[in-house]
Amino acid sequence: MSTAGISGILGSLLQLEESFSSCLARIDALILKPLLQAEPQDPKEKENFQLLVLLNDRFQTLWNFTEENSRILRGKSQLEDSGCIQDFYILWKGEVFLSLYIQYFVTFANFVVVQGFEQAARSKSEAWKLHKAVLKEFLRDFTSESSLGLALHLVLHKPFREHVQSYLQLLSQLQEQLQEGSEGDVVATVVQEFGKLESFIGQVLDEAVFTKELWKSLGYKFTDVLCVPERRLLEDSRNLPIASGTARSERLLLFDDVLVLIQGNSFQSFDLKLVWVDENCGEKSAPGLHSLRITTPEETFILSTKDPQMKVRLWDFPISLLFKTG
């Protein structure tokens, strides 16, 4: 194990934390504080504003945590005997790191789902309007997007995501410096957990955007009832060449908590805990059809497709249903 090598990685970690903290300070001053000064009057927009308040709380907690660790690391870097694995707080506080990042991105994703960034960009607050010129200049450091809503979306998740990736790079460098043994095992475990965190972040962001696009495509009659910040769309029958046995105009939406059946301007929603899926009904269907039966307390209907290649996608419905209700 090279002490000089570890000291160098610690120095890189300190630079990383200080740069990240500086970035968060700018985001706080130029984005979050102005947004939080523009509380809307509309009841629905007020609900979304409370999500922004919660997102800010998560942001501040992460920022304070980063500042605290930077101070500790800065103090250790001034000591002659610094440069040992015990100085890597990211190893010993790994669970706290993971928890704070998960909380932030779950809240961020909820805000995405309810189109919070688009709403924030349209704020009619005079303070926000006057601030837009400075804000757009700041956002150029992060993205070339001309859409203010999308730019806000990027600036409030991209630095965090990149920071996690930087942690992974430094941890991998540290792992290379260590010989096999207990210390190496500890680092390997943390690397694995941060890798899972990186995958989790990508998944929650993708699910949030997928769900948001659905709400943007549906009318208020549907979204006022169905749009819940925590709800995620898993599958839309419009993305599958399938038919329902009850009516050709129907559309099925599979969420992580309910199954929604749309027909015209009306819909029915079924709690997944009360839905039964018969995966063996294909034997009873017409030749050339791949089918499954879905039974709810209110009715029973059949999903079917003639395309053999879509059979796997069709079966995503029961697999997801069984996973959520199991």
Protein backbone atom coordinates (compact mmCIF):
# COMPACT_ATOMS: atom_id res chain seq x y z
CA MET A 1 0.00 0.00 0.00
CA SER A 2 1.47 3.36 -1.07
CA THR A 3 0.98 6.13 1.51
CA ALA A 4 1.92 8.73 -1.09
CA GLY A 5 -0.67 7.31 -3.46
CA ILE A 6 -3.38 7.42 -0.82
CA SER A 7 -2.43 10.99 0.14
CA GLY A 8 -2.81 11.97 -3.50
CA ILE A 9 -6.28 10.42 -3.67
CA LEU A 10 -7.23 12.22 -0.45
CA GLY A 11 -6.08 15.47 -2.03
CA SER A 12 -8.24 14.75 -5.07
CA LEU A 13 -11.19 13.99 -2.79
CA LEU A 14 -10.75 17.32 -1.00
CA GLN A 15 -10.64 19.18 -4.33
CA LEU A 16 -13.72 17.29 -5.47
CA GLU A 17 -15.69 18.15 -2.33
CA GLU A 18 -14.68 21.81 -2.37
CA SER A 19 -15.60 22.16 -6.03
CA PHE A 20 -18.93 20.43 -5.46
CA SER A 21 -19.70 22.59 -2.44
CA SER A 22 -18.93 25.72 -4.45
CA CYS A 23 -21.26 24.52 -7.20
CA LEU A 24 -24.05 23.89 -4.68
CA ALA A 25 -23.57 27.37 -3.24
CA ARG A 26 -24.13 28.89 -6.68
CA ILE A 27 -27.20 26.73 -7.31
CA ASP A 28 -28.60 27.70 -3.92
CA ALA A 29 -28.07 31.43 -4.49
CA LEU A 30 -29.06 31.65 -8.15
CA ILE A 31 -31.82 29.05 -8.44
CA LEU A 32 -33.32 27.73 -5.23
CA LYS A 33 -33.54 30.93 -3.20
CA PRO A 34 -35.23 32.91 -6.03
CA LEU A 35 -37.61 30.03 -6.74
CA LEU A 36 -38.59 29.72 -3.10
CA GLN A 37 -39.40 33.43 -3.00
CA ALA A 38 -42.01 32.95 -5.71
CA GLU A 39 -44.73 30.99 -3.91
CA PRO A 40 -47.75 30.59 -6.24
CA GLN A 41 -51.37 31.32 -5.36
CA ASP A 42 -53.01 28.54 -7.36
CA PRO A 43 -53.90 25.58 -5.04
CA LYS A 44 -52.52 22.94 -7.42
CA GLU A 45 -49.33 24.89 -7.96
CA LYS A 46 -49.02 25.29 -4.20
CA GLU A 47 -48.92 21.50 -3.85
CA ASN A 48 -46.02 21.38 -6.29
CA PHE A 49 -44.35 24.25 -4.45
CA GLN A 50 -44.33 22.16 -1.27
CA LEU A 51 -42.43 19.51 -3.21
CA LEU A 52 -39.90 22.18 -4.17
CA VAL A 53 -39.58 23.12 -0.50
CA LEU A 54 -38.89 19.47 0.33
CA LEU A 55 -36.38 19.21 -2.52
CA ASN A 56 -34.62 22.27 -1.13
CA ASP A 57 -34.50 20.60 2.30
CA ARG A 58 -32.85 17.53 0.74
CA PHE A 59 -30.46 19.80 -1.13
CA GLN A 60 -29.46 21.71 2.00
CA THR A 61 -28.89 18.48 3.94
CA LEU A 62 -26.57 17.15 1.24
CA TRP A 63 -24.76 20.47 1.00
CA ASN A 64 -24.24 20.67 4.78
CA PHE A 65 -22.99 17.09 4.78
CA THR A 66 -20.51 17.93 2.01
CA GLU A 67 -19.31 21.03 3.88
CA GLU A 68 -18.84 19.08 7.10
CA ASN A 69 -16.78 16.40 5.39
CA SER A 70 -14.71 19.01 3.56
CA ARG A 71 -13.80 20.68 6.85
CA ILE A 72 -12.78 17.35 8.37
CA LEU A 73 -10.68 16.42 5.35
CA ARG A 74 -9.11 19.88 5.18
CA GLY A 75 -8.03 19.56 8.81
CA LYS A 76 -6.56 16.10 8.27
CA SER A 77 -4.65 17.23 5.18
CA GLN A 78 -2.67 19.64 7.37
CA LEU A 79 -1.43 16.85 9.63
CA GLU A 80 1.86 15.11 8.95
CA ASP A 81 0.49 11.62 9.51
CA SER A 82 -2.48 12.02 7.17
CA GLY A 83 -2.85 9.66 4.27
CA CYS A 84 -4.33 6.46 5.69
CA ILE A 85 -7.49 4.67 4.71
CA GLN A 86 -9.20 5.79 7.94
CA ASP A 87 -9.23 9.33 6.52
CA PHE A 88 -11.69 8.27 3.81
CA TYR A 89 -14.96 9.17 5.51
CA ILE A 90 -16.77 8.06 2.37
CA LEU A 91 -16.01 4.49 3.48
CA TRP A 92 -17.15 4.81 7.07
CA LYS A 93 -20.15 7.02 6.31
CA GLY A 94 -21.18 5.10 3.22
CA GLU A 95 -24.71 4.36 4.43
CA VAL A 96 -25.30 8.03 5.21
CA PHE A 97 -24.07 9.06 1.76
CA LEU A 98 -26.34 6.55 0.06
CA SER A 99 -29.36 7.51 2.16
CA LEU A 100 -28.97 11.25 1.49
CA TYR A 101 -28.55 10.77 -2.25
CA ILE A 102 -31.50 8.39 -2.48
CA GLN A 103 -33.72 10.84 -0.59
CA TYR A 104 -32.65 13.68 -2.85
CA PHE A 105 -33.24 11.85 -6.12
CA VAL A 106 -36.56 10.35 -5.05
CA THR A 107 -37.82 13.84 -4.17
CA PHE A 108 -36.31 15.25 -7.36
CA ALA A 109 -38.07 12.57 -9.42
CA ASN A 110 -41.40 13.34 -7.73
CA PHE A 111 -40.97 17.00 -8.69
CA VAL A 112 -40.23 15.96 -12.28
CA VAL A 113 -43.39 13.83 -12.45
CA VAL A 114 -45.68 16.74 -11.53
CA GLN A 115 -43.91 18.97 -14.09
CA GLY A 116 -42.56 21.13 -11.30
CA PHE A 117 -39.64 22.52 -13.28
CA GLU A 118 -41.88 23.62 -16.14
CA GLN A 119 -44.17 25.30 -13.63
CA ALA A 120 -41.23 26.99 -11.91
CA ALA A 121 -39.94 28.31 -15.23
CA ARG A 122 -43.34 29.93 -15.86
CA SER A 123 -43.40 31.68 -12.49
CA LYS A 124 -45.05 35.09 -12.68
CA SER A 125 -43.12 36.43 -9.71
CA GLU A 126 -41.52 39.80 -10.48
CA ALA A 127 -38.39 38.77 -8.59
CA TRP A 128 -38.12 35.66 -10.76
CA LYS A 129 -38.67 37.61 -13.98
CA LEU A 130 -35.90 40.06 -13.07
CA HIS A 131 -33.64 37.16 -12.16
CA LYS A 132 -34.02 35.29 -15.46
CA ALA A 133 -31.18 37.06 -17.30
CA VAL A 134 -28.65 36.21 -14.58
CA LEU A 135 -30.02 32.69 -14.35
CA LYS A 136 -29.68 31.97 -18.06
CA GLU A 137 -26.06 33.11 -17.96
CA PHE A 138 -25.41 30.75 -15.05
CA LEU A 139 -27.16 27.83 -16.75
CA ARG A 140 -24.85 28.06 -19.77
CA ASP A 141 -22.17 26.45 -17.61
CA PHE A 142 -24.34 23.34 -17.39
CA THR A 143 -26.34 23.04 -20.59
CA SER A 144 -27.04 24.58 -23.98
CA GLU A 145 -30.77 23.92 -23.57
CA SER A 146 -32.87 26.95 -24.45
CA SER A 147 -35.87 25.62 -22.49
CA LEU A 148 -35.67 27.09 -19.01
CA GLY A 149 -37.69 24.24 -17.50
CA LEU A 150 -35.36 21.60 -18.94
CA ALA A 151 -32.31 23.63 -17.93
CA LEU A 152 -33.55 23.79 -14.32
CA HIS A 153 -34.14 20.04 -14.45
CA LEU A 154 -30.56 19.44 -15.59
CA VAL A 155 -28.83 21.81 -13.20
CA LEU A 156 -30.56 20.31 -10.17
CA HIS A 157 -29.55 16.74 -10.92
CA LYS A 158 -26.51 16.71 -13.22
CA PRO A 159 -23.94 17.94 -10.63
CA PHE A 160 -25.14 15.36 -8.10
CA ARG A 161 -25.02 12.54 -10.59
CA GLU A 162 -21.56 13.51 -11.77
CA HIS A 163 -20.40 13.76 -8.16
CA VAL A 164 -21.43 10.17 -7.51
CA GLN A 165 -19.50 9.12 -10.62
CA SER A 166 -16.45 11.01 -9.33
CA TYR A 167 -16.72 9.20 -6.00
CA LEU A 168 -16.69 5.92 -7.88
CA GLN A 169 -13.57 6.90 -9.81
CA LEU A 170 -11.70 7.87 -6.64
CA LEU A 171 -12.81 4.73 -4.84
CA SER A 172 -11.59 2.63 -7.76
CA GLN A 173 -8.22 4.39 -7.58
CA LEU A 174 -8.08 3.69 -3.85
CA GLN A 175 -8.93 0.05 -4.46
CA GLU A 176 -5.96 -0.23 -6.82
CA GLN A 177 -3.66 1.10 -4.09
CA LEU A 178 -4.70 -1.51 -1.55
CA GLN A 179 -3.54 -5.07 -1.27
CA GLU A 180 -6.00 -7.88 -0.76
CA GLY A 181 -7.31 -7.98 2.77
CA SER A 182 -9.89 -6.46 5.06
CA GLU A 183 -9.29 -2.87 3.91
CA GLY A 184 -9.55 -3.86 0.28
CA ASP A 185 -12.75 -5.74 1.00
CA VAL A 186 -14.26 -2.67 2.66
CA VAL A 187 -13.46 -0.50 -0.36
CA ALA A 188 -14.78 -3.13 -2.77
CA THR A 189 -18.07 -3.26 -0.88
CA VAL A 190 -18.46 0.53 -0.94
CA VAL A 191 -17.61 0.63 -4.66
CA GLN A 192 -20.35 -1.92 -5.26
CA GLU A 193 -22.89 0.09 -3.25
CA PHE A 194 -22.07 3.33 -5.06
CA GLY A 195 -22.38 1.48 -8.35
CA LYS A 196 -25.88 0.43 -7.30
CA LEU A 197 -26.62 4.04 -6.37
CA GLU A 198 -25.55 5.20 -9.82
CA SER A 199 -27.88 2.65 -11.43
CA PHE A 200 -30.70 3.64 -9.07
CA ILE A 201 -30.34 7.30 -10.02
CA GLY A 202 -30.54 6.48 -13.71
CA GLN A 203 -33.61 4.32 -13.17
CA VAL A 204 -35.58 6.83 -11.08
CA LEU A 205 -34.82 9.63 -13.55
CA ASP A 206 -35.93 7.53 -16.53
CA GLU A 207 -39.14 6.43 -14.78
CA ALA A 208 -39.93 10.01 -13.77
CA VAL A 209 -39.50 11.38 -17.29
CA PHE A 210 -41.52 8.48 -18.77
CA THR A 211 -44.35 9.19 -16.32
CA LYS A 212 -44.20 12.96 -16.84
CA GLU A 213 -44.56 12.55 -20.60
CA LEU A 214 -47.70 10.49 -20.04
CA TRP A 215 -49.29 13.19 -17.86
CA LYS A 216 -48.43 15.81 -20.47
CA SER A 217 -50.29 13.76 -23.09
CA LEU A 218 -53.47 13.24 -21.05
CA GLY A 219 -56.19 15.76 -20.25
CA TYR A 220 -56.85 17.35 -16.87
CA LYS A 221 -59.78 14.99 -16.29
CA PHE A 222 -57.27 12.16 -15.98
CA THR A 223 -54.30 13.93 -14.42
CA ASP A 224 -56.29 15.68 -11.69
CA VAL A 225 -57.24 12.27 -10.32
CA LEU A 226 -54.39 10.00 -11.37
CA CYS A 227 -51.30 12.21 -11.17
CA VAL A 228 -49.64 11.49 -7.84
CA PRO A 229 -45.99 12.53 -7.29
CA GLU A 230 -44.95 9.07 -6.11
CA ARG A 231 -46.76 7.12 -8.86
CA ARG A 232 -44.68 5.73 -11.73
CA LEU A 233 -45.75 4.45 -15.13
CA LEU A 234 -44.34 1.00 -15.88
CA GLU A 235 -46.02 0.23 -19.20
CA ASP A 236 -48.42 1.81 -21.67
CA SER A 237 -50.40 -0.44 -24.02
CA ARG A 238 -49.86 2.12 -26.78
CA ASN A 239 -46.25 1.00 -26.82
CA LEU A 240 -47.35 -2.60 -27.41
CA PRO A 241 -49.24 -4.03 -30.41
CA ILE A 242 -51.82 -5.64 -28.15
CA ALA A 243 -55.59 -5.68 -28.05
CA SER A 244 -58.01 -5.93 -25.16
CA GLY A 245 -60.90 -8.34 -25.32
CA THR A 246 -63.46 -5.79 -24.12
CA ALA A 247 -63.17 -2.81 -26.49
CA ARG A 248 -60.80 -1.82 -29.27
CA SER A 249 -60.61 1.79 -28.08
CA GLU A 250 -59.26 0.85 -24.68
CA ARG A 251 -55.85 1.87 -23.41
CA LEU A 252 -54.15 0.17 -20.50
CA LEU A 253 -51.71 1.93 -18.21
CA LEU A 254 -49.74 -0.12 -15.74
CA PHE A 255 -48.41 1.90 -12.80
CA ASP A 256 -46.47 0.69 -9.79
CA ASP A 257 -49.62 0.73 -7.66
CA VAL A 258 -52.66 0.65 -9.97
CA LEU A 259 -53.82 -0.65 -13.33
CA VAL A 260 -55.79 1.95 -15.31
CA LEU A 261 -58.22 1.11 -18.11
CA ILE A 262 -59.10 4.07 -20.37
CA GLN A 263 -62.03 4.13 -22.77
CA GLY A 264 -62.87 7.42 -24.41
CA ASN A 265 -63.07 10.17 -21.80
CA SER A 266 -63.59 7.82 -18.88
CA PHE A 267 -61.32 5.48 -16.98
CA GLN A 268 -61.26 2.85 -14.29
CA SER A 269 -58.38 2.22 -11.92
CA PHE A 270 -57.70 -1.04 -10.11
CA ASP A 271 -55.49 -1.45 -7.07
CA LEU A 272 -52.78 -3.96 -8.03
CA LYS A 273 -53.33 -5.77 -4.76
CA LEU A 274 -56.77 -6.74 -6.06
CA VAL A 275 -55.74 -7.76 -9.58
CA TRP A 276 -55.38 -11.41 -10.59
CA VAL A 277 -53.39 -12.46 -13.66
CA ASP A 278 -53.89 -15.79 -15.44
CA GLU A 279 -50.75 -16.44 -17.46
CA ASN A 280 -51.99 -19.79 -18.75
CA CYS A 281 -55.03 -18.61 -20.66
CA GLY A 282 -53.03 -18.71 -23.89
CA GLU A 283 -54.03 -22.33 -24.25
CA LYS A 284 -57.69 -21.28 -24.47
CA SER A 285 -57.25 -18.41 -26.94
CA ALA A 286 -57.68 -18.46 -30.70
CA PRO A 287 -54.91 -20.02 -32.82
CA GLY A 288 -52.05 -17.61 -33.46
CA LEU A 289 -52.88 -15.39 -30.50
CA HIS A 290 -50.73 -14.97 -27.41
CA SER A 291 -53.03 -13.99 -24.57
CA LEU A 292 -53.40 -13.53 -20.84
CA ARG A 293 -56.41 -12.90 -18.66
CA ILE A 294 -56.57 -10.04 -16.14
CA THR A 295 -59.26 -10.25 -13.48
CA THR A 296 -60.27 -7.33 -11.26
CA PRO A 297 -63.10 -7.09 -8.71
CA GLU A 298 -65.16 -5.25 -11.35
CA GLU A 299 -64.46 -7.19 -14.54
CA THR A 300 -62.26 -9.58 -16.49
CA PHE A 301 -60.54 -8.85 -19.78
CA ILE A 302 -58.04 -10.48 -22.10
CA LEU A 303 -54.84 -8.97 -23.50
CA SER A 304 -53.66 -10.54 -26.74
CA THR A 305 -51.20 -10.08 -29.57
CA LYS A 306 -50.63 -11.83 -32.90
CA ASP A 307 -46.98 -10.85 -33.05
CA PRO A 308 -44.84 -13.67 -31.58
CA GLN A 309 -41.97 -11.24 -31.04
CA MET A 310 -44.20 -9.12 -28.80
CA LYS A 311 -45.10 -12.03 -26.55
CA VAL A 312 -42.26 -11.13 -24.18
CA ARG A 313 -43.41 -7.50 -23.97
CA LEU A 314 -46.98 -8.65 -23.43
CA TRP A 315 -45.83 -10.80 -20.55
CA ASP A 316 -44.14 -7.77 -19.00
CA PHE A 317 -47.63 -6.89 -17.80
CA PRO A 318 -48.15 -10.00 -15.65
CA ILE A 319 -44.54 -10.06 -14.49
CA SER A 320 -44.81 -6.47 -13.27
CA LEU A 321 -48.22 -7.10 -11.77
CA LEU A 322 -47.07 -10.20 -9.94
CA PHE A 323 -43.97 -8.42 -8.67
CA LYS A 324 -46.00 -5.50 -7.34
CA THR A 325 -48.71 -7.63 -5.78
CA GLY A 326 -46.56 -10.44 -4.48
